[in-house]
């Protein structure tokens, strides 16, 4: 006799009938709960699979399918988050070294790195002691987009909502 959840496979119809009429208790291998064997779906495995057992089997298969789909979604989500973290890390490295690139169109001596909340402020002419233009510079790699904070800074600058104060 082998038990699997609420299903018990026996090879003898008489034994099955006596178990149905008994007061014996079984233990579910999945959840560990006890149950009366008289409430179990008992069959010998040689005959027709009981309709009630078919329904429970189908329900379990559907649940497994849903769980597999959920795991696939979680895996894709984790992989996407991991990839994004890699891109963000690469971006943070690039923004620190980009002023050293030959095609960087600002004199390094005019650049002041902030890194947060924007990458850099360029004071055009600072190296000649005569600043005539200030650029707020955000460096992005790939298809990266401005964060909400970066967008708000851009909008404030574009609306000329900037000032200079001495304290």
N, C-alpha and C. Protein backbone atom coordinates (compact mmCIF):
# COMPACT_ATOMS: atom_id res chain seq x y z
N UNK A 1 0.85 -1.17 0.00
CA UNK A 1 0.00 0.00 0.00
C UNK A 1 0.90 1.24 0.00
N UNK A 2 0.68 2.17 -0.92
CA UNK A 2 1.44 3.41 -1.00
C UNK A 2 0.49 4.59 -0.92
N UNK A 3 0.84 5.62 -0.16
CA UNK A 3 -0.05 6.78 0.00
C UNK A 3 0.60 8.00 -0.65
N UNK A 4 -0.22 8.82 -1.28
CA UNK A 4 0.24 10.07 -1.85
C UNK A 4 -0.86 11.08 -1.63
N UNK A 5 -0.64 11.98 -0.67
CA UNK A 5 -1.68 12.96 -0.35
C UNK A 5 -2.93 12.26 0.11
N UNK A 6 -4.06 12.56 -0.54
CA UNK A 6 -5.33 11.94 -0.17
C UNK A 6 -5.60 10.69 -1.00
N UNK A 7 -4.71 10.33 -1.88
CA UNK A 7 -4.91 9.17 -2.75
C UNK A 7 -4.15 7.98 -2.21
N UNK A 8 -4.82 6.85 -2.13
CA UNK A 8 -4.16 5.63 -1.67
C UNK A 8 -4.39 4.57 -2.75
N UNK A 9 -3.31 4.00 -3.24
CA UNK A 9 -3.40 2.98 -4.29
C UNK A 9 -3.31 1.60 -3.64
N UNK A 10 -4.31 0.80 -3.84
CA UNK A 10 -4.32 -0.57 -3.33
C UNK A 10 -4.58 -1.51 -4.50
N UNK A 11 -4.25 -2.76 -4.30
CA UNK A 11 -4.46 -3.73 -5.38
C UNK A 11 -5.66 -4.63 -5.13
N UNK A 12 -6.42 -4.37 -4.11
CA UNK A 12 -7.48 -5.28 -3.75
C UNK A 12 -8.75 -4.50 -3.41
N UNK A 13 -9.83 -4.77 -4.15
CA UNK A 13 -11.10 -4.06 -3.95
C UNK A 13 -11.68 -4.31 -2.55
N UNK A 14 -11.52 -5.52 -2.06
CA UNK A 14 -12.03 -5.84 -0.72
C UNK A 14 -11.31 -5.02 0.34
N UNK A 15 -10.00 -4.90 0.19
CA UNK A 15 -9.22 -4.11 1.14
C UNK A 15 -9.67 -2.65 1.09
N UNK A 16 -9.91 -2.16 -0.11
CA UNK A 16 -10.38 -0.79 -0.27
C UNK A 16 -11.72 -0.61 0.45
N UNK A 17 -12.61 -1.53 0.26
CA UNK A 17 -13.93 -1.43 0.88
C UNK A 17 -13.82 -1.49 2.40
N UNK A 18 -12.97 -2.34 2.91
CA UNK A 18 -12.82 -2.43 4.36
C UNK A 18 -12.19 -1.15 4.93
N UNK A 19 -11.28 -0.54 4.18
CA UNK A 19 -10.69 0.73 4.61
C UNK A 19 -11.74 1.84 4.62
N UNK A 20 -12.61 1.83 3.61
CA UNK A 20 -13.69 2.84 3.55
C UNK A 20 -14.61 2.74 4.77
N UNK A 21 -14.81 1.55 5.26
CA UNK A 21 -15.71 1.32 6.37
C UNK A 21 -15.00 1.31 7.73
N UNK A 22 -13.69 1.56 7.72
CA UNK A 22 -12.91 1.51 8.96
C UNK A 22 -12.89 2.87 9.65
N UNK A 23 -12.32 2.87 10.82
CA UNK A 23 -12.10 4.12 11.55
C UNK A 23 -10.61 4.47 11.55
N UNK A 24 -9.88 3.93 10.60
CA UNK A 24 -8.44 4.18 10.52
C UNK A 24 -8.17 5.64 10.11
N UNK A 25 -7.04 6.14 10.59
CA UNK A 25 -6.62 7.51 10.30
C UNK A 25 -5.36 7.46 9.45
N UNK A 26 -5.33 8.30 8.42
CA UNK A 26 -4.14 8.42 7.58
C UNK A 26 -3.52 9.80 7.80
N UNK A 27 -2.29 9.96 7.34
CA UNK A 27 -1.61 11.25 7.44
C UNK A 27 -1.22 11.70 6.04
N UNK A 28 -1.58 12.92 5.71
CA UNK A 28 -1.24 13.48 4.39
C UNK A 28 0.27 13.70 4.32
N UNK A 29 0.89 13.19 3.27
CA UNK A 29 2.34 13.35 3.11
C UNK A 29 2.71 14.78 2.75
N UNK A 30 1.79 15.53 2.19
CA UNK A 30 2.07 16.91 1.78
C UNK A 30 1.98 17.90 2.94
N UNK A 31 0.87 17.84 3.71
CA UNK A 31 0.66 18.83 4.76
C UNK A 31 0.84 18.28 6.17
N UNK A 32 0.90 16.95 6.32
CA UNK A 32 1.10 16.35 7.62
C UNK A 32 -0.16 16.23 8.47
N UNK A 33 -1.31 16.60 7.93
CA UNK A 33 -2.56 16.52 8.69
C UNK A 33 -3.12 15.10 8.65
N UNK A 34 -3.76 14.75 9.76
CA UNK A 34 -4.43 13.46 9.83
C UNK A 34 -5.83 13.57 9.24
N UNK A 35 -6.32 12.46 8.68
CA UNK A 35 -7.67 12.42 8.11
C UNK A 35 -8.19 10.99 8.18
N UNK A 36 -9.53 10.83 8.31
CA UNK A 36 -10.08 9.47 8.31
C UNK A 36 -9.99 8.86 6.92
N UNK A 37 -9.53 7.64 6.82
CA UNK A 37 -9.42 6.97 5.52
C UNK A 37 -10.77 6.85 4.83
N UNK A 38 -11.83 6.84 5.62
CA UNK A 38 -13.17 6.75 5.03
C UNK A 38 -13.51 7.98 4.19
N UNK A 39 -12.78 9.09 4.39
CA UNK A 39 -13.03 10.31 3.62
C UNK A 39 -12.06 10.44 2.43
N UNK A 40 -11.13 9.51 2.32
CA UNK A 40 -10.15 9.56 1.25
C UNK A 40 -10.72 8.95 -0.02
N UNK A 41 -10.16 9.33 -1.15
CA UNK A 41 -10.51 8.72 -2.42
C UNK A 41 -9.62 7.49 -2.55
N UNK A 42 -10.20 6.33 -2.39
CA UNK A 42 -9.43 5.09 -2.41
C UNK A 42 -9.66 4.36 -3.72
N UNK A 43 -8.59 3.89 -4.34
CA UNK A 43 -8.70 3.11 -5.58
C UNK A 43 -7.44 2.28 -5.75
N UNK A 44 -7.56 1.25 -6.56
CA UNK A 44 -6.46 0.29 -6.67
C UNK A 44 -5.49 0.60 -7.81
N UNK A 45 -5.80 1.53 -8.65
CA UNK A 45 -4.89 1.88 -9.74
C UNK A 45 -5.02 0.98 -10.95
N UNK A 46 -5.77 -0.09 -10.86
CA UNK A 46 -5.94 -1.01 -11.98
C UNK A 46 -7.18 -0.67 -12.79
N UNK A 47 -8.17 -0.12 -12.11
CA UNK A 47 -9.43 0.20 -12.77
C UNK A 47 -9.46 1.64 -13.24
N UNK A 48 -10.68 2.11 -13.44
CA UNK A 48 -10.90 3.49 -13.89
C UNK A 48 -10.48 4.46 -12.79
N UNK A 49 -9.81 5.52 -13.19
CA UNK A 49 -9.42 6.57 -12.27
C UNK A 49 -10.70 7.29 -11.84
N UNK A 50 -11.01 7.38 -10.55
CA UNK A 50 -12.27 8.01 -10.10
C UNK A 50 -12.39 9.45 -10.58
N UNK A 51 -13.63 9.85 -10.95
CA UNK A 51 -13.87 11.21 -11.46
C UNK A 51 -13.45 12.26 -10.44
N UNK A 52 -13.74 12.03 -9.17
CA UNK A 52 -13.37 12.99 -8.13
C UNK A 52 -11.85 13.14 -8.07
N UNK A 53 -11.14 12.04 -8.21
CA UNK A 53 -9.67 12.07 -8.21
C UNK A 53 -9.16 12.80 -9.44
N UNK A 54 -9.82 12.59 -10.60
CA UNK A 54 -9.44 13.31 -11.82
C UNK A 54 -9.58 14.82 -11.62
N UNK A 55 -10.68 15.23 -11.00
CA UNK A 55 -10.92 16.66 -10.77
C UNK A 55 -9.86 17.26 -9.86
N UNK A 56 -9.53 16.54 -8.79
CA UNK A 56 -8.50 17.03 -7.87
C UNK A 56 -7.14 17.06 -8.56
N UNK A 57 -6.85 16.04 -9.34
CA UNK A 57 -5.59 16.01 -10.09
C UNK A 57 -5.50 17.19 -11.03
N UNK A 58 -6.59 17.49 -11.75
CA UNK A 58 -6.60 18.61 -12.68
C UNK A 58 -6.41 19.93 -11.94
N UNK A 59 -7.06 20.05 -10.79
CA UNK A 59 -6.93 21.26 -9.97
C UNK A 59 -5.47 21.44 -9.54
N UNK A 60 -4.85 20.36 -9.11
CA UNK A 60 -3.44 20.43 -8.70
C UNK A 60 -2.53 20.78 -9.88
N UNK A 61 -2.82 20.21 -11.04
CA UNK A 61 -2.03 20.54 -12.23
C UNK A 61 -2.17 22.02 -12.60
N UNK A 62 -3.40 22.53 -12.50
CA UNK A 62 -3.64 23.95 -12.79
C UNK A 62 -2.88 24.84 -11.81
N UNK A 63 -2.90 24.46 -10.53
CA UNK A 63 -2.16 25.23 -9.53
C UNK A 63 -0.67 25.20 -9.82
N UNK A 64 -0.16 24.04 -10.20
CA UNK A 64 1.27 23.94 -10.54
C UNK A 64 1.61 24.82 -11.74
N UNK A 65 0.72 24.84 -12.72
CA UNK A 65 0.95 25.67 -13.91
C UNK A 65 0.99 27.14 -13.53
N UNK A 66 0.04 27.56 -12.68
CA UNK A 66 0.02 28.95 -12.23
C UNK A 66 1.27 29.30 -11.45
N UNK A 67 1.70 28.40 -10.58
CA UNK A 67 2.91 28.63 -9.81
C UNK A 67 4.14 28.71 -10.71
N UNK A 68 4.18 27.87 -11.73
CA UNK A 68 5.31 27.90 -12.68
C UNK A 68 5.32 29.23 -13.43
N UNK A 69 4.15 29.70 -13.84
CA UNK A 69 4.06 30.98 -14.55
C UNK A 69 4.50 32.13 -13.64
N UNK A 70 4.08 32.09 -12.38
CA UNK A 70 4.47 33.12 -11.42
C UNK A 70 5.98 33.11 -11.20
N UNK A 71 6.56 31.92 -11.09
CA UNK A 71 8.01 31.82 -10.93
C UNK A 71 8.75 32.36 -12.15
N UNK A 72 8.21 32.10 -13.33
CA UNK A 72 8.82 32.63 -14.55
C UNK A 72 8.78 34.15 -14.55
N UNK A 73 7.63 34.72 -14.15
CA UNK A 73 7.51 36.19 -14.07
C UNK A 73 8.51 36.76 -13.07
N UNK A 74 8.61 36.10 -11.90
CA UNK A 74 9.55 36.57 -10.89
C UNK A 74 10.99 36.50 -11.38
N UNK A 75 11.30 35.41 -12.10
CA UNK A 75 12.65 35.24 -12.62
C UNK A 75 12.97 36.36 -13.60
N UNK A 76 12.02 36.65 -14.51
CA UNK A 76 12.23 37.72 -15.48
C UNK A 76 12.37 39.06 -14.78
N UNK A 77 11.58 39.27 -13.74
CA UNK A 77 11.64 40.51 -12.98
C UNK A 77 12.99 40.67 -12.30
N UNK A 78 13.47 39.58 -11.70
CA UNK A 78 14.77 39.62 -11.03
C UNK A 78 15.88 39.83 -12.05
N UNK A 79 15.79 39.14 -13.18
CA UNK A 79 16.81 39.31 -14.22
C UNK A 79 16.81 40.74 -14.74
N UNK A 80 15.61 41.32 -14.91
CA UNK A 80 15.51 42.70 -15.37
C UNK A 80 16.10 43.66 -14.36
N UNK A 81 15.81 43.43 -13.08
CA UNK A 81 16.34 44.29 -12.02
C UNK A 81 17.86 44.17 -11.94
N UNK A 82 18.35 42.94 -12.10
CA UNK A 82 19.79 42.72 -12.07
C UNK A 82 20.47 43.45 -13.24
N UNK A 83 19.87 43.35 -14.42
CA UNK A 83 20.43 44.01 -15.60
C UNK A 83 20.41 45.53 -15.41
N UNK A 84 19.31 46.05 -14.86
CA UNK A 84 19.21 47.49 -14.63
C UNK A 84 20.28 47.93 -13.64
N UNK A 85 20.49 47.15 -12.59
CA UNK A 85 21.51 47.49 -11.60
C UNK A 85 22.90 47.54 -12.24
N UNK A 86 23.16 46.62 -13.14
CA UNK A 86 24.45 46.61 -13.85
C UNK A 86 24.58 47.88 -14.69
N UNK A 87 23.53 48.23 -15.44
CA UNK A 87 23.56 49.44 -16.28
C UNK A 87 23.75 50.70 -15.44
N UNK A 88 23.06 50.76 -14.29
CA UNK A 88 23.19 51.93 -13.41
C UNK A 88 24.63 52.03 -12.90
N UNK A 89 25.20 50.90 -12.50
CA UNK A 89 26.58 50.90 -12.00
C UNK A 89 27.56 51.34 -13.09
N UNK A 90 27.37 50.84 -14.29
CA UNK A 90 28.24 51.24 -15.40
C UNK A 90 28.08 52.73 -15.66
N UNK A 91 26.83 53.20 -15.63
CA UNK A 91 26.56 54.64 -15.84
C UNK A 91 27.26 55.50 -14.81
N UNK A 92 27.25 55.06 -13.56
CA UNK A 92 27.90 55.82 -12.48
C UNK A 92 29.42 55.89 -12.71
N UNK A 93 29.98 54.83 -13.23
CA UNK A 93 31.42 54.82 -13.52
C UNK A 93 31.71 55.74 -14.71
N UNK A 94 30.91 55.61 -15.76
CA UNK A 94 31.12 56.42 -16.97
C UNK A 94 31.02 57.90 -16.67
N UNK A 95 30.01 58.30 -15.86
CA UNK A 95 29.84 59.73 -15.59
C UNK A 95 31.04 60.32 -14.86
N UNK A 96 31.81 59.49 -14.17
CA UNK A 96 32.99 59.99 -13.46
C UNK A 96 34.21 60.11 -14.38
N UNK A 97 34.24 59.30 -15.44
CA UNK A 97 35.41 59.33 -16.30
C UNK A 97 35.17 60.03 -17.64
N UNK A 98 33.90 60.35 -17.95
CA UNK A 98 33.60 60.93 -19.26
C UNK A 98 34.34 62.25 -19.52
N UNK A 99 34.61 63.08 -18.52
CA UNK A 99 35.37 64.31 -18.82
C UNK A 99 36.77 64.05 -19.39
N UNK A 100 37.29 62.85 -19.18
CA UNK A 100 38.62 62.52 -19.70
C UNK A 100 38.57 62.13 -21.18
N UNK A 101 37.38 61.93 -21.75
CA UNK A 101 37.27 61.56 -23.16
C UNK A 101 37.66 62.72 -24.06
N UNK A 102 38.29 62.40 -25.17
CA UNK A 102 38.75 63.39 -26.13
C UNK A 102 37.58 64.19 -26.70
N UNK A 103 36.43 63.54 -26.91
CA UNK A 103 35.28 64.21 -27.51
C UNK A 103 34.42 64.97 -26.50
N UNK A 104 34.82 65.00 -25.25
CA UNK A 104 34.09 65.75 -24.24
C UNK A 104 34.31 67.23 -24.55
N UNK A 105 33.24 67.96 -24.79
CA UNK A 105 33.34 69.32 -25.34
C UNK A 105 33.49 70.43 -24.30
N UNK A 106 33.90 70.10 -23.12
CA UNK A 106 34.09 71.11 -22.07
C UNK A 106 35.49 70.97 -21.51
N UNK A 107 36.18 72.07 -21.28
CA UNK A 107 37.51 71.96 -20.65
C UNK A 107 37.38 71.36 -19.25
N UNK A 108 38.17 70.40 -18.95
CA UNK A 108 38.12 69.72 -17.67
C UNK A 108 38.29 70.71 -16.51
N UNK A 109 39.11 71.72 -16.72
CA UNK A 109 39.36 72.70 -15.65
C UNK A 109 38.13 73.58 -15.38
N UNK A 110 37.14 73.57 -16.26
CA UNK A 110 35.90 74.33 -16.04
C UNK A 110 34.81 73.48 -15.39
N UNK A 111 35.06 72.18 -15.24
CA UNK A 111 34.04 71.25 -14.74
C UNK A 111 34.18 71.02 -13.25
N UNK A 112 33.02 70.99 -12.58
CA UNK A 112 32.98 70.67 -11.16
C UNK A 112 31.98 69.54 -10.96
N UNK A 113 32.48 68.37 -10.59
CA UNK A 113 31.57 67.22 -10.43
C UNK A 113 30.72 67.37 -9.17
N UNK A 114 29.44 67.04 -9.30
CA UNK A 114 28.53 66.96 -8.16
C UNK A 114 28.10 65.50 -7.96
N UNK A 115 27.85 64.81 -9.06
CA UNK A 115 27.40 63.42 -9.13
C UNK A 115 25.96 63.25 -8.64
N UNK A 116 25.55 63.96 -7.62
CA UNK A 116 24.16 63.94 -7.14
C UNK A 116 23.78 65.36 -6.80
N UNK A 117 22.66 65.84 -7.13
CA UNK A 117 21.57 65.22 -7.88
C UNK A 117 21.78 65.30 -9.39
N UNK A 118 22.76 66.08 -9.84
CA UNK A 118 23.16 66.05 -11.26
C UNK A 118 24.66 65.78 -11.29
N UNK A 119 25.13 65.41 -12.46
CA UNK A 119 26.52 64.94 -12.53
C UNK A 119 27.56 66.03 -12.41
N UNK A 120 27.30 67.16 -13.06
CA UNK A 120 28.37 68.12 -13.15
C UNK A 120 27.83 69.52 -13.42
N UNK A 121 28.57 70.52 -12.96
CA UNK A 121 28.30 71.91 -13.33
C UNK A 121 29.54 72.38 -14.06
N UNK A 122 29.32 72.95 -15.24
CA UNK A 122 30.43 73.45 -16.05
C UNK A 122 30.39 74.98 -16.00
N UNK A 123 31.48 75.57 -15.54
CA UNK A 123 31.61 77.02 -15.47
C UNK A 123 32.50 77.46 -16.62
N UNK A 124 31.88 77.77 -17.77
CA UNK A 124 32.65 78.14 -18.96
C UNK A 124 33.48 79.38 -18.67
N UNK A 125 34.78 79.21 -18.84
CA UNK A 125 35.71 80.32 -18.61
C UNK A 125 36.32 80.32 -17.22
N UNK A 126 35.94 79.40 -16.36
CA UNK A 126 36.48 79.37 -14.99
C UNK A 126 37.99 79.23 -14.99
N UNK A 127 38.51 78.49 -15.94
CA UNK A 127 39.97 78.30 -15.99
C UNK A 127 40.68 79.60 -16.36
N UNK A 128 39.95 80.57 -16.94
CA UNK A 128 40.52 81.88 -17.29
C UNK A 128 40.06 82.96 -16.31
N UNK A 129 39.44 82.54 -15.22
CA UNK A 129 38.95 83.43 -14.16
C UNK A 129 37.87 84.38 -14.63
N UNK A 130 37.13 83.99 -15.68
CA UNK A 130 36.04 84.84 -16.18
C UNK A 130 34.90 83.95 -16.66
N UNK A 131 34.02 83.56 -15.76
CA UNK A 131 32.90 82.69 -16.11
C UNK A 131 31.87 83.50 -16.87
N UNK A 132 31.57 83.04 -18.08
CA UNK A 132 30.55 83.75 -18.87
C UNK A 132 29.32 82.89 -19.17
N UNK A 133 29.34 81.61 -18.69
CA UNK A 133 28.18 80.75 -18.93
C UNK A 133 28.28 79.56 -17.98
N UNK A 134 27.13 79.14 -17.47
CA UNK A 134 27.10 77.99 -16.57
C UNK A 134 26.19 76.93 -17.18
N UNK A 135 26.68 75.69 -17.22
CA UNK A 135 25.91 74.56 -17.76
C UNK A 135 25.75 73.51 -16.67
N UNK A 136 24.50 73.10 -16.47
CA UNK A 136 24.22 71.97 -15.59
C UNK A 136 24.24 70.74 -16.48
N UNK A 137 25.14 69.80 -16.20
CA UNK A 137 25.39 68.69 -17.10
C UNK A 137 24.99 67.36 -16.45
N UNK A 138 24.13 66.63 -17.13
CA UNK A 138 23.72 65.29 -16.70
C UNK A 138 24.21 64.32 -17.77
N UNK A 139 24.94 63.30 -17.38
CA UNK A 139 25.51 62.34 -18.31
C UNK A 139 24.69 61.06 -18.25
N UNK A 140 24.26 60.58 -19.41
CA UNK A 140 23.46 59.35 -19.49
C UNK A 140 24.12 58.41 -20.49
N UNK A 141 24.00 57.12 -20.22
CA UNK A 141 24.51 56.11 -21.14
C UNK A 141 23.34 55.29 -21.66
N UNK A 142 23.50 54.73 -22.84
CA UNK A 142 22.48 53.86 -23.42
C UNK A 142 21.15 54.57 -23.58
N UNK A 143 20.09 53.93 -23.11
CA UNK A 143 18.74 54.48 -23.23
C UNK A 143 18.26 55.04 -21.89
N UNK A 144 19.18 55.38 -21.02
CA UNK A 144 18.82 55.89 -19.70
C UNK A 144 18.03 57.19 -19.84
N UNK A 145 17.12 57.40 -18.91
CA UNK A 145 16.28 58.60 -18.91
C UNK A 145 16.49 59.36 -17.62
N UNK A 146 16.10 60.63 -17.64
CA UNK A 146 16.22 61.44 -16.45
C UNK A 146 15.28 60.94 -15.35
N UNK A 147 15.77 60.99 -14.12
CA UNK A 147 14.91 60.65 -12.98
C UNK A 147 13.97 61.83 -12.73
N UNK A 148 12.99 61.65 -11.86
CA UNK A 148 12.07 62.74 -11.52
C UNK A 148 12.84 63.95 -10.98
N UNK A 149 13.80 63.69 -10.12
CA UNK A 149 14.60 64.78 -9.54
C UNK A 149 15.39 65.50 -10.63
N UNK A 150 16.00 64.73 -11.52
CA UNK A 150 16.79 65.34 -12.60
C UNK A 150 15.89 66.16 -13.52
N UNK A 151 14.69 65.65 -13.81
CA UNK A 151 13.75 66.40 -14.64
C UNK A 151 13.35 67.71 -13.98
N UNK A 152 13.13 67.67 -12.67
CA UNK A 152 12.73 68.89 -11.98
C UNK A 152 13.85 69.93 -11.99
N UNK A 153 15.09 69.48 -11.90
CA UNK A 153 16.23 70.40 -11.97
C UNK A 153 16.30 71.01 -13.38
N UNK A 154 16.15 70.17 -14.39
CA UNK A 154 16.17 70.66 -15.78
C UNK A 154 15.07 71.71 -15.98
N UNK A 155 13.87 71.41 -15.50
CA UNK A 155 12.75 72.35 -15.66
C UNK A 155 13.02 73.66 -14.94
N UNK A 156 13.58 73.61 -13.73
CA UNK A 156 13.88 74.83 -12.99
C UNK A 156 14.90 75.69 -13.74
N UNK A 157 15.92 75.05 -14.31
CA UNK A 157 16.93 75.79 -15.07
C UNK A 157 16.30 76.39 -16.33
N UNK A 158 15.49 75.58 -17.04
CA UNK A 158 14.85 76.07 -18.27
C UNK A 158 13.90 77.23 -18.00
N UNK A 159 13.26 77.25 -16.82
CA UNK A 159 12.35 78.34 -16.45
C UNK A 159 13.13 79.52 -15.84
N UNK A 160 14.44 79.36 -15.79
CA UNK A 160 15.34 80.36 -15.21
C UNK A 160 15.03 80.62 -13.72
N UNK A 161 14.60 79.55 -13.06
CA UNK A 161 14.33 79.62 -11.62
C UNK A 161 15.60 79.27 -10.87
N UNK A 162 16.61 80.10 -11.06
CA UNK A 162 17.91 79.93 -10.41
C UNK A 162 18.29 81.29 -9.82
N UNK A 163 19.14 81.26 -8.84
CA UNK A 163 19.60 82.51 -8.24
C UNK A 163 21.01 82.33 -7.72
N UNK A 164 21.58 83.45 -7.34
CA UNK A 164 22.91 83.44 -6.75
C UNK A 164 22.81 84.18 -5.43
N UNK A 165 23.37 83.59 -4.38
CA UNK A 165 23.32 84.24 -3.06
C UNK A 165 24.68 84.17 -2.40
N UNK A 166 24.95 85.19 -1.66
CA UNK A 166 26.17 85.23 -0.82
C UNK A 166 25.74 85.13 0.62
N UNK A 167 26.41 84.31 1.37
CA UNK A 167 26.07 84.17 2.79
C UNK A 167 27.30 84.52 3.61
